Amino acid sequence: MSRQHPSLPTQHSPAGLPTEISSSSFWHSQPSPLLKAHRSTRNLPKTASVVIIGSGITGASVAHHLLTKDNSSSKSNGQGLNVVMLEAREACWGATGRNGGHCQPLLIESSEDPGIGHFELANFYALQKLIKEENIDCEFVVQPSVRAIYSDHHLQEAELELQTMERTAPDLRKMMRIVKSKDELKQYRIPTAKGAIVTSLASRLWPYKLVSHVLTSLLTSTDLKGTFNLQTLTPATSFSFSEAEDTPGWYVHTPRGVIHADKVVLATNAYTSHLLPNFADLIVPCRGQMSALLPLPSVAGKNRLQTSYGFLGDGLDDYLIQRPNETGGHLMFGGGRQHGPSIGVTDDNVVDPETAKYLRSRLVDCLSLPEGGEFQATHEWSGIMGFSRDERPWVGPVPASAQSVARPGMFVSAGYTGHGMPNTWLCGKAVALMVQKTIDFPSDPEWAVEMAAGEVNLPLSYRLTGERMAKAMKIESVESKDWSEMERGGVAKAGDRPPSGYA
């Protein structure tokens, strides 16, 4: 492997803002005319009920669940909430607009905590229902997923996880099977794999089109329970809090002015520590790389792939879907992080040449394609994920220990460790419910948060608490763990392994 051994930091600096210029993602090749450089009002609003920072799928979910259905607030006398969304770049220009196009619940990754698998499955069904009911054109296709395994110890770990699930989650276990027969592996087009986990339920989609539909609906609807104002190209740079009796609440500072809000939601994933420095060692930026490859004849037309793929092995964590034949049949292939700088990197304007070459050539070998050589890429790009120190998302009100001065009314949903699509929609809904219920029941915010988390069955391990933050700081750092995985072939036990970058 080509990476130089890093000088692992003992403490991270806060993340910077997203770069103004970014690499060209395939998913942005058909941008929404309405959303490009969109500002609902010429000037930044002075006030808002809720400010959402970030316009990816998490932010879109928060806004959607605050303003649609029966989410009006009693405090606002039936008038609903005034929601303002701030985005540093174009709408959905961060991780959601740069990912692998997967939405696969990784049921095997949480055998001892099946609530996580059930939550990811519920998230999958919620997205499927939304896309069907609103007829969203985002290339959403339900299909099986194959996780090809290339090392003996990863295969042994998978078998142990499945055995555990027979006891802890037999319903989820039935959705998966292990394949080790050479003939069957060849049928799945992974003849060199040692084995594979085949999951009956997964999907592929165009993630930017999903989010752009949600945001467009919020901007154009005449039936919202409040108002929605989107301000792109407007980074949030800092916060302050007012104790004044007439104007208590948060002030969100931007280069275009300051906006006062009762509640603030950070849907900022990898960039969370820019605004909350105490998260610098809890949510660490990680650059991933993607490619859109024109199909070779052996994987084109009727020879196309019938499943999505993950590739797991010593220093290997790649992922693949194939787009519809009628729109090009591109193979959307990502991974190869072992070939270039990754952990701690926030610049997604860079496409690492060695990683790009790996992505163009790797599938020829692992799918044993007869053409040889390498694929032609129409797009090669990078994106920034947020890796969580304890490998679980951070969802909920920000505790006093994470603020320079403890104040109520700030919420976070971030840190998906490259596995956002099966988590973000319901995590966003959980935060929206927390915001709404703490408005409706201001005298008992802790009870309100518990009620909100219960409504979506948010896993306890996802809950943001001061105790969890302190506990996470005592375990191995993101850098150290990633180095072990990439360079020493995954010596950590299965439960400590970060999820694949499916989403």
Protein backbone atom coordinates (compact mmCIF):
# COMPACT_ATOMS: atom_id res chain seq x y z
CA MET A 1 0.00 0.00 0.00
CA SER A 2 1.17 3.46 -0.78
CA ARG A 3 0.11 5.51 2.22
CA GLN A 4 2.84 6.78 4.50
CA HIS A 5 2.39 6.02 8.20
CA PRO A 6 0.74 9.10 9.68
CA SER A 7 1.89 10.96 12.74
CA LEU A 8 -1.32 10.28 14.59
CA PRO A 9 -2.51 13.41 16.45
CA THR A 10 -3.41 13.19 20.11
CA GLN A 11 -6.00 15.91 19.61
CA HIS A 12 -7.71 17.21 16.50
CA SER A 13 -8.18 20.80 15.48
CA PRO A 14 -11.76 21.76 14.61
CA ALA A 15 -12.76 21.19 11.01
CA GLY A 16 -12.72 24.08 8.59
CA LEU A 17 -15.60 25.17 6.42
CA PRO A 18 -16.38 23.29 3.19
CA THR A 19 -14.09 24.40 0.37
CA GLU A 20 -15.62 26.94 -1.98
CA ILE A 21 -14.66 24.85 -5.02
CA SER A 22 -15.26 21.09 -5.13
CA SER A 23 -14.62 18.21 -7.51
CA SER A 24 -17.34 17.47 -10.04
CA SER A 25 -19.67 14.72 -8.80
CA PHE A 26 -21.67 12.71 -11.34
CA TRP A 27 -24.71 13.17 -9.11
CA HIS A 28 -24.47 16.93 -9.76
CA SER A 29 -24.47 16.53 -13.55
CA GLN A 30 -28.19 17.39 -13.64
CA PRO A 31 -28.54 20.15 -11.04
CA SER A 32 -31.90 21.59 -10.09
CA PRO A 33 -32.35 25.02 -11.76
CA LEU A 34 -34.43 26.16 -8.79
CA LEU A 35 -31.85 25.18 -6.19
CA LYS A 36 -28.73 26.54 -7.91
CA ALA A 37 -27.58 29.61 -5.97
CA HIS A 38 -31.02 29.69 -4.38
CA ARG A 39 -31.89 32.34 -1.84
CA SER A 40 -35.55 32.47 -0.95
CA THR A 41 -35.11 36.10 0.06
CA ARG A 42 -32.50 38.55 -1.21
CA ASN A 43 -31.40 39.37 2.33
CA LEU A 44 -30.74 36.94 5.15
CA PRO A 45 -33.77 36.83 7.44
CA LYS A 46 -33.23 38.50 10.80
CA THR A 47 -35.15 35.88 12.77
CA ALA A 48 -36.34 32.30 12.56
CA SER A 49 -38.04 29.75 14.74
CA VAL A 50 -35.50 27.14 13.67
CA VAL A 51 -32.24 27.46 11.76
CA ILE A 52 -31.02 24.26 10.08
CA ILE A 53 -27.36 24.27 9.06
CA GLY A 54 -26.74 21.87 6.18
CA SER A 55 -28.84 20.92 3.16
CA GLY A 56 -28.01 17.25 2.67
CA ILE A 57 -30.44 14.45 3.41
CA THR A 58 -30.31 15.04 7.17
CA GLY A 59 -31.15 18.73 6.89
CA ALA A 60 -33.81 18.02 4.28
CA SER A 61 -35.38 15.43 6.57
CA VAL A 62 -35.44 17.83 9.54
CA ALA A 63 -37.15 20.52 7.46
CA HIS A 64 -39.59 18.06 5.89
CA HIS A 65 -40.67 16.64 9.24
CA LEU A 66 -41.00 20.06 10.85
CA LEU A 67 -43.12 21.57 8.12
CA THR A 68 -45.26 18.77 6.66
CA LYS A 69 -47.99 16.53 8.06
CA ASP A 70 -49.11 17.42 11.61
CA ASN A 71 -46.04 19.18 12.92
CA SER A 72 -47.36 22.67 13.69
CA SER A 73 -46.36 24.03 17.08
CA SER A 74 -48.81 25.03 19.79
CA LYS A 75 -46.40 27.73 20.91
CA SER A 76 -46.72 29.45 17.54
CA ASN A 77 -50.51 29.75 17.92
CA GLY A 78 -51.21 27.53 14.95
CA GLN A 79 -49.09 29.57 12.57
CA GLY A 80 -46.35 26.94 12.37
CA LEU A 81 -42.60 27.42 12.37
CA ASN A 82 -40.44 29.77 10.35
CA VAL A 83 -37.58 27.52 9.24
CA VAL A 84 -34.41 28.87 7.64
CA MET A 85 -31.84 26.52 6.11
CA LEU A 86 -28.26 27.73 5.69
CA GLU A 87 -25.88 26.02 3.26
CA ALA A 88 -22.21 26.92 2.81
CA ARG A 89 -22.20 25.90 -0.87
CA GLU A 90 -24.92 24.85 -3.29
CA ALA A 91 -27.81 22.80 -1.94
CA CYS A 92 -26.92 19.14 -1.36
CA TRP A 93 -23.31 19.73 -2.46
CA GLY A 94 -21.70 17.83 0.43
CA ALA A 95 -21.59 14.12 1.28
CA THR A 96 -25.15 13.30 0.16
CA GLY A 97 -24.40 14.65 -3.30
CA ARG A 98 -21.10 12.76 -3.48
CA ASN A 99 -21.79 9.31 -2.06
CA GLY A 100 -21.97 5.85 -3.61
CA GLY A 101 -25.70 5.82 -4.37
CA HIS A 102 -26.39 2.95 -1.95
CA CYS A 103 -29.07 2.55 0.65
CA GLN A 104 -28.39 -0.77 2.32
CA PRO A 105 -29.18 -1.60 5.93
CA LEU A 106 -26.04 -3.33 7.21
CA LEU A 107 -27.86 -5.76 9.44
CA ILE A 108 -24.80 -7.86 10.22
CA GLU A 109 -22.86 -4.95 11.71
CA SER A 110 -24.90 -4.79 14.93
CA SER A 111 -25.60 -8.38 15.92
CA GLU A 112 -25.47 -7.59 19.65
CA ASP A 113 -27.67 -4.50 19.26
CA PRO A 114 -30.41 -5.50 16.82
CA GLY A 115 -32.25 -2.26 17.46
CA ILE A 116 -29.77 -0.66 15.06
CA GLY A 117 -30.63 -3.11 12.29
CA HIS A 118 -34.33 -2.59 12.85
CA PHE A 119 -33.83 1.20 12.78
CA GLU A 120 -31.90 1.02 9.50
CA LEU A 121 -34.60 -1.22 8.06
CA ALA A 122 -37.29 1.24 9.15
CA ASN A 123 -35.26 4.05 7.55
CA PHE A 124 -35.12 2.06 4.30
CA TYR A 125 -38.89 1.53 4.29
CA ALA A 126 -39.55 5.18 5.16
CA LEU A 127 -37.50 6.34 2.16
CA GLN A 128 -39.13 3.76 -0.09
CA LYS A 129 -42.58 4.95 1.01
CA LEU A 130 -41.70 8.63 0.49
CA ILE A 131 -40.29 8.00 -2.99
CA LYS A 132 -43.34 5.97 -4.02
CA GLU A 133 -45.95 8.36 -2.59
CA GLU A 134 -44.34 11.46 -4.05
CA ASN A 135 -43.28 9.75 -7.30
CA ILE A 136 -39.70 10.97 -6.91
CA ASP A 137 -37.60 10.41 -10.01
CA CYS A 138 -34.32 9.36 -8.40
CA GLU A 139 -33.56 5.96 -9.98
CA PHE A 140 -34.62 4.16 -6.79
CA VAL A 141 -34.46 0.40 -7.36
CA VAL A 142 -34.79 -2.31 -4.73
CA GLN A 143 -32.33 -5.15 -5.27
CA PRO A 144 -30.24 -7.63 -3.28
CA SER A 145 -26.77 -6.75 -2.09
CA VAL A 146 -23.65 -8.90 -2.16
CA ARG A 147 -20.85 -8.25 0.29
CA ALA A 148 -17.83 -10.04 -1.14
CA ILE A 149 -15.26 -11.11 1.47
CA TYR A 150 -11.58 -11.56 0.60
CA SER A 151 -9.91 -12.60 3.86
CA ASP A 152 -10.31 -15.65 6.09
CA HIS A 153 -10.68 -13.70 9.31
CA HIS A 154 -13.36 -11.39 7.87
CA LEU A 155 -15.26 -14.47 6.70
CA GLN A 156 -14.95 -16.10 10.12
CA GLU A 157 -16.18 -12.90 11.78
CA ALA A 158 -19.18 -12.79 9.44
CA GLU A 159 -20.10 -16.36 10.30
CA LEU A 160 -19.88 -15.58 14.02
CA GLU A 161 -22.05 -12.49 13.58
CA LEU A 162 -24.71 -14.53 11.77
CA GLN A 163 -24.65 -17.14 14.54
CA THR A 164 -25.16 -14.39 17.11
CA MET A 165 -28.10 -13.01 15.15
CA GLU A 166 -29.86 -16.36 15.29
CA ARG A 167 -30.20 -15.61 19.00
CA THR A 168 -30.55 -11.81 19.07
CA ALA A 169 -32.42 -11.02 15.84
CA PRO A 170 -33.75 -14.12 14.03
CA ASP A 171 -36.00 -11.97 11.85
CA LEU A 172 -33.03 -9.98 10.54
CA ARG A 173 -30.92 -13.12 10.24
CA LYS A 174 -33.45 -14.57 7.80
CA MET A 175 -32.76 -11.67 5.43
CA MET A 176 -29.15 -12.75 4.98
CA ARG A 177 -27.28 -15.83 3.92
CA ILE A 178 -23.64 -16.73 3.63
CA VAL A 179 -22.24 -18.03 0.35
CA LYS A 180 -19.01 -20.00 0.13
CA SER A 181 -19.60 -22.29 -2.83
CA LYS A 182 -17.22 -21.46 -5.68
CA ASP A 183 -19.96 -22.07 -8.22
CA GLU A 184 -22.35 -19.71 -6.46
CA LEU A 185 -19.66 -17.08 -5.97
CA LYS A 186 -19.02 -17.27 -9.70
CA GLN A 187 -22.74 -16.78 -10.36
CA TYR A 188 -22.56 -13.61 -8.27
CA ARG A 189 -19.59 -12.56 -10.44
CA ILE A 190 -17.07 -12.59 -7.60
CA PRO A 191 -15.12 -15.81 -8.34
CA THR A 192 -12.01 -14.77 -6.40
CA ALA A 193 -13.86 -14.02 -3.17
CA LYS A 194 -13.54 -16.39 -0.22
CA GLY A 195 -17.21 -15.94 0.56
CA ALA A 196 -20.04 -13.44 0.57
CA ILE A 197 -22.99 -12.22 2.61
CA VAL A 198 -26.08 -11.87 0.43
CA THR A 199 -28.76 -9.56 1.83
CA SER A 200 -32.21 -9.73 0.30
CA LEU A 201 -33.03 -6.04 0.74
CA ALA A 202 -31.00 -3.08 -0.48
CA SER A 203 -31.42 -0.32 -3.03
CA ARG A 204 -29.61 2.02 -5.36
CA LEU A 205 -30.62 5.58 -6.13
CA TRP A 206 -29.57 9.04 -7.32
CA PRO A 207 -29.24 10.70 -3.89
CA TYR A 208 -29.03 14.33 -5.08
CA LYS A 209 -32.32 13.96 -6.97
CA LEU A 210 -34.03 12.63 -3.85
CA VAL A 211 -32.90 15.58 -1.73
CA SER A 212 -33.51 18.16 -4.44
CA HIS A 213 -37.09 16.91 -4.74
CA VAL A 214 -37.64 17.26 -0.98
CA LEU A 215 -36.17 20.76 -0.91
CA THR A 216 -38.05 21.84 -4.03
CA SER A 217 -41.31 20.60 -2.53
CA LEU A 218 -40.67 22.65 0.60
CA LEU A 219 -39.90 25.75 -1.46
CA THR A 220 -42.95 25.47 -3.73
CA SER A 221 -45.61 23.97 -1.46
CA THR A 222 -48.61 26.05 -0.47
CA ASP A 223 -49.58 23.64 2.29
CA LEU A 224 -46.72 23.83 4.79
CA LYS A 225 -47.20 24.12 8.52
CA GLY A 226 -45.05 27.24 8.51
CA THR A 227 -42.52 28.76 6.11
CA PHE A 228 -39.29 27.53 4.54
CA ASN A 229 -36.43 29.80 3.50
CA LEU A 230 -33.31 28.34 1.86
CA GLN A 231 -30.13 30.41 1.81
CA THR A 232 -27.32 28.78 -0.19
CA LEU A 233 -23.75 30.07 -0.42
CA THR A 234 -24.16 31.20 3.19
CA PRO A 235 -21.82 29.41 5.62
CA ALA A 236 -22.54 29.52 9.33
CA THR A 237 -19.29 30.62 10.95
CA SER A 238 -20.08 30.84 14.67
CA PHE A 239 -22.78 31.09 17.34
CA SER A 240 -23.58 33.35 20.23
CA PHE A 241 -26.39 33.20 22.77
CA SER A 242 -28.58 35.98 24.10
CA GLU A 243 -29.92 35.99 27.65
CA ALA A 244 -31.99 39.14 27.02
CA GLU A 245 -35.56 38.80 28.20
CA ASP A 246 -37.01 40.26 25.01
CA THR A 247 -34.78 38.30 22.58
CA PRO A 248 -33.44 35.14 24.22
CA GLY A 249 -31.99 32.47 21.96
CA TRP A 250 -29.23 31.76 19.50
CA TYR A 251 -27.53 34.12 17.07
CA VAL A 252 -26.07 32.37 14.04
CA HIS A 253 -23.29 34.38 12.43
CA THR A 254 -22.64 34.28 8.66
CA PRO A 255 -20.65 36.47 6.24
CA ARG A 256 -23.99 37.94 5.14
CA GLY A 257 -25.23 38.86 8.57
CA VAL A 258 -26.63 37.40 11.77
CA ILE A 259 -29.88 35.50 12.22
CA HIS A 260 -31.64 35.02 15.57
CA ALA A 261 -33.26 31.63 16.20
CA ASP A 262 -35.07 29.89 19.02
CA LYS A 263 -33.63 26.52 17.97
CA VAL A 264 -30.60 25.53 15.90
CA VAL A 265 -30.00 22.17 14.20
CA LEU A 266 -26.56 21.14 12.99
CA ALA A 267 -26.88 18.75 10.05
CA THR A 268 -23.21 19.34 9.33
CA ASN A 269 -21.71 15.82 9.52
CA ALA A 270 -17.93 16.05 8.92
CA TYR A 271 -17.87 19.80 9.56
CA THR A 272 -19.65 19.71 12.93
CA SER A 273 -16.53 20.60 14.92
CA HIS A 274 -16.18 23.87 13.03
CA LEU A 275 -19.14 25.11 15.06
CA LEU A 276 -18.76 22.78 18.05
CA PRO A 277 -14.99 22.41 18.66
CA ASN A 278 -15.54 19.80 21.39
CA PHE A 279 -16.55 17.40 18.63
CA ALA A 280 -13.14 17.60 16.92
CA ASP A 281 -12.13 14.15 18.22
CA LEU A 282 -15.62 12.67 18.10
CA ILE A 283 -16.57 13.35 14.46
CA VAL A 284 -13.49 13.34 12.24
CA PRO A 285 -13.56 14.28 8.54
CA CYS A 286 -12.64 11.50 6.14
CA ARG A 287 -12.25 11.97 2.40
CA GLY A 288 -13.62 9.23 0.16
CA GLN A 289 -13.38 8.96 -3.60
CA MET A 290 -15.87 7.92 -6.26
CA SER A 291 -15.98 7.23 -9.98
CA ALA A 292 -18.62 6.87 -12.69
CA LEU A 293 -17.36 4.22 -15.13
CA LEU A 294 -18.68 3.47 -18.60
CA PRO A 295 -19.59 -0.23 -18.70
CA LEU A 296 -17.40 -2.67 -20.59
CA PRO A 297 -19.33 -5.11 -22.84
CA SER A 298 -19.20 -7.89 -20.24
CA VAL A 299 -21.20 -5.73 -17.78
CA ALA A 300 -23.38 -3.84 -20.28
CA GLY A 301 -26.93 -4.40 -21.51
CA LYS A 302 -28.25 -7.85 -20.63
CA ASN A 303 -24.90 -8.59 -18.96
CA ARG A 304 -25.39 -5.84 -16.38
CA LEU A 305 -24.97 -6.41 -12.66
CA GLN A 306 -28.09 -7.56 -10.84
CA THR A 307 -27.06 -6.59 -7.31
CA SER A 308 -25.14 -3.91 -5.50
CA TYR A 309 -21.76 -4.84 -4.06
CA GLY A 310 -19.46 -4.25 -1.15
CA PHE A 311 -15.90 -5.56 -1.16
CA LEU A 312 -14.39 -6.34 2.23
CA GLY A 313 -10.91 -7.63 3.03
CA ASP A 314 -7.52 -6.73 4.42
CA GLY A 315 -7.27 -3.00 3.77
CA LEU A 316 -10.22 -3.28 1.39
CA ASP A 317 -13.53 -1.45 1.75
CA ASP A 318 -15.02 -0.67 -1.67
CA TYR A 319 -18.60 -0.36 -2.93
CA LEU A 320 -20.42 -0.57 -6.25
CA ILE A 321 -23.80 -0.05 -7.88
CA GLN A 322 -24.79 0.09 -11.54
CA ARG A 323 -27.14 2.70 -12.94
CA PRO A 324 -30.02 1.81 -15.32
CA ASN A 325 -29.08 0.65 -18.80
CA GLU A 326 -31.33 3.22 -20.45
CA THR A 327 -29.44 6.11 -18.88
CA GLY A 328 -25.89 4.88 -19.44
CA GLY A 329 -25.46 1.92 -17.13
CA HIS A 330 -22.54 3.60 -15.37
CA LEU A 331 -20.77 1.58 -12.72
CA MET A 332 -20.65 3.85 -9.68
CA PHE A 333 -17.58 2.57 -7.88
CA GLY A 334 -16.00 4.03 -4.76
CA GLY A 335 -13.36 3.23 -2.19
CA GLY A 336 -9.62 2.76 -2.47
CA ARG A 337 -8.98 4.90 0.60
CA GLN A 338 -5.77 2.99 1.31
CA HIS A 339 -4.18 4.65 -1.73
CA GLY A 340 -4.37 8.29 -0.70
CA PRO A 341 -4.87 10.82 2.12
CA SER A 342 -8.19 10.32 3.84
CA ILE A 343 -8.63 10.77 7.61
CA GLY A 344 -8.64 14.40 8.71
CA VAL A 345 -8.99 15.72 5.14
CA THR A 346 -11.76 18.23 4.37
CA ASP A 347 -10.81 19.29 0.83
CA ASP A 348 -13.15 17.62 -1.68
CA ASN A 349 -11.76 19.59 -4.61
CA VAL A 350 -8.91 17.07 -4.85
CA VAL A 351 -9.09 13.80 -6.78
CA ASP A 352 -6.18 11.58 -5.80
CA PRO A 353 -4.62 10.17 -9.00
CA GLU A 354 -3.51 6.85 -7.50
CA THR A 355 -6.94 6.22 -6.01
CA ALA A 356 -8.56 7.18 -9.32
CA LYS A 357 -6.40 4.66 -11.20
CA TYR A 358 -7.28 1.98 -8.67
CA LEU A 359 -11.01 2.66 -9.13
CA ARG A 360 -10.71 2.46 -12.93
CA SER A 361 -8.89 -0.87 -12.85
CA ARG A 362 -9.93 -2.77 -9.72
CA LEU A 363 -13.28 -4.10 -11.00
CA VAL A 364 -11.62 -5.78 -13.97
CA ASP A 365 -9.83 -8.04 -11.51
CA CYS A 366 -12.43 -8.62 -8.79
CA LEU A 367 -15.25 -9.28 -11.31
CA SER A 368 -12.83 -11.25 -13.55
CA LEU A 369 -13.84 -9.33 -16.66
CA PRO A 370 -12.44 -10.68 -19.93
CA GLU A 371 -11.62 -7.29 -21.47
CA GLY A 372 -8.69 -6.57 -19.16
CA GLY A 373 -7.23 -3.08 -18.95
CA GLU A 374 -9.34 -0.48 -17.19
CA PHE A 375 -12.67 1.33 -17.43
CA GLN A 376 -13.17 4.81 -18.83
CA ALA A 377 -14.42 7.24 -16.20
CA THR A 378 -16.86 10.00 -17.11
CA HIS A 379 -16.55 11.55 -13.64
CA GLU A 380 -14.08 11.16 -10.77
CA TRP A 381 -14.69 13.04 -7.55
CA SER A 382 -14.22 13.09 -3.81
CA GLY A 383 -16.47 13.75 -0.82
CA ILE A 384 -16.06 14.23 2.90
CA MET A 385 -17.59 11.75 5.34
CA GLY A 386 -17.85 12.23 9.10
CA PHE A 387 -16.32 9.29 10.98
CA SER A 388 -17.64 8.85 14.52
CA ARG A 389 -15.17 7.85 17.21
CA ASP A 390 -17.52 5.15 18.53
CA GLU A 391 -18.88 4.40 15.04
CA ARG A 392 -22.45 5.50 15.79
CA PRO A 393 -24.23 8.69 14.71
CA TRP A 394 -24.62 11.50 17.24
CA VAL A 395 -28.27 12.54 17.48
CA GLY A 396 -29.97 14.85 19.95
CA PRO A 397 -29.69 18.06 21.95
CA VAL A 398 -26.14 19.27 22.51
CA PRO A 399 -25.19 18.70 26.16
CA ALA A 400 -23.52 21.30 28.33
CA SER A 401 -20.17 19.49 28.06
CA ALA A 402 -20.07 20.15 24.31
CA GLN A 403 -20.69 23.91 24.57
CA SER A 404 -18.38 26.65 25.72
CA VAL A 405 -21.34 28.05 27.66
CA ALA A 406 -24.23 25.67 28.32
CA ARG A 407 -27.42 26.83 26.66
CA PRO A 408 -30.57 24.98 25.51
CA GLY A 409 -32.02 24.77 22.03
CA MET A 410 -29.16 23.37 19.94
CA PHE A 411 -29.41 19.94 18.29
CA VAL A 412 -27.11 17.73 16.20
CA SER A 413 -27.49 14.82 13.81
CA ALA A 414 -24.10 13.90 12.36
CA GLY A 415 -21.24 11.40 12.29
CA TYR A 416 -22.54 8.60 10.06
CA THR A 417 -19.14 6.97 9.37
CA GLY A 418 -19.81 6.53 5.65
CA HIS A 419 -23.16 4.86 6.30
CA GLY A 420 -25.60 7.72 6.08
CA MET A 421 -28.32 6.69 3.65
CA PRO A 422 -29.76 3.91 5.88
CA ASN A 423 -29.74 6.27 8.89
CA THR A 424 -30.14 9.92 7.99
CA TRP A 425 -33.82 10.19 7.12
CA LEU A 426 -35.06 8.89 10.46
CA CYS A 427 -32.25 10.55 12.41
CA GLY A 428 -33.43 13.81 10.86
CA LYS A 429 -37.01 12.97 11.80
CA ALA A 430 -35.91 12.26 15.38
CA VAL A 431 -34.28 15.69 15.67
CA ALA A 432 -37.31 17.40 14.10
CA LEU A 433 -39.55 15.74 16.70
CA MET A 434 -37.16 16.76 19.48
CA VAL A 435 -37.26 20.36 18.31
CA GLN A 436 -41.04 20.33 17.97
CA LYS A 437 -41.73 18.67 21.30
CA THR A 438 -39.35 20.89 23.25
CA ILE A 439 -41.27 23.85 21.82
CA ASP A 440 -44.60 22.27 22.70
CA PHE A 441 -43.48 21.19 26.19
CA PRO A 442 -40.91 23.79 27.28
CA SER A 443 -41.23 22.97 30.97
CA ASP A 444 -39.91 19.42 30.55
CA PRO A 445 -37.41 19.28 27.64
CA GLU A 446 -35.84 16.01 28.79
CA TRP A 447 -39.19 14.24 28.66
CA ALA A 448 -39.89 15.84 25.27
CA VAL A 449 -36.60 14.50 23.87
CA GLU A 450 -37.29 11.02 25.24
CA MET A 451 -40.74 11.01 23.66
CA ALA A 452 -39.32 12.08 20.30
CA ALA A 453 -36.60 9.43 20.34
CA GLY A 454 -39.16 6.79 21.23
CA GLU A 455 -41.45 7.69 18.35
CA VAL A 456 -38.79 6.69 15.79
CA ASN A 457 -37.15 3.96 17.92
CA LEU A 458 -33.86 5.85 17.81
CA PRO A 459 -31.17 3.42 19.03
CA LEU A 460 -29.91 4.26 22.49
CA SER A 461 -26.33 4.10 21.17
CA TYR A 462 -27.12 6.99 18.79
CA ARG A 463 -28.24 9.33 21.56
CA LEU A 464 -26.01 12.35 22.14
CA THR A 465 -25.20 12.67 25.83
CA GLY A 466 -22.35 14.05 27.85
CA GLU A 467 -21.71 10.60 29.28
CA ARG A 468 -21.38 9.08 25.84
CA MET A 469 -18.99 11.83 24.75
CA ALA A 470 -16.75 11.21 27.76
CA LYS A 471 -16.82 7.45 27.24
CA ALA A 472 -15.98 7.78 23.55
CA MET A 473 -12.92 9.88 24.32
CA LYS A 474 -11.47 6.96 26.28
CA ILE A 475 -11.48 4.54 23.36
CA GLU A 476 -9.17 4.27 20.36
CA SER A 477 -9.12 7.32 18.09
CA VAL A 478 -10.56 7.38 14.60
CA GLU A 479 -7.07 7.70 13.10
CA SER A 480 -5.58 4.83 15.06
CA LYS A 481 -8.47 2.52 14.31
CA ASP A 482 -8.49 3.42 10.64
CA TRP A 483 -4.76 2.86 10.39
CA SER A 484 -5.15 -0.60 11.90
CA GLU A 485 -7.90 -1.46 9.46
CA MET A 486 -6.21 -0.17 6.35
CA GLU A 487 -2.63 -1.21 7.02
CA ARG A 488 -2.79 -4.24 9.28
CA GLY A 489 -5.68 -5.97 7.62
CA GLY A 490 -8.51 -5.41 10.07
CA VAL A 491 -7.11 -6.82 13.30
CA ALA A 492 -9.89 -5.22 15.36
CA LYS A 493 -12.83 -7.42 16.25
CA ALA A 494 -15.88 -7.25 14.00
CA GLY A 495 -17.92 -5.09 16.37
CA ASP A 496 -15.23 -2.38 16.26
CA ARG A 497 -15.03 -2.23 12.49
CA PRO A 498 -16.42 0.85 10.77
CA PRO A 499 -19.28 0.12 8.37
CA SER A 500 -18.51 -0.06 4.69
CA GLY A 501 -18.98 3.11 2.71
CA TYR A 502 -22.27 1.96 1.22
CA ALA A 503 -23.96 5.28 1.71
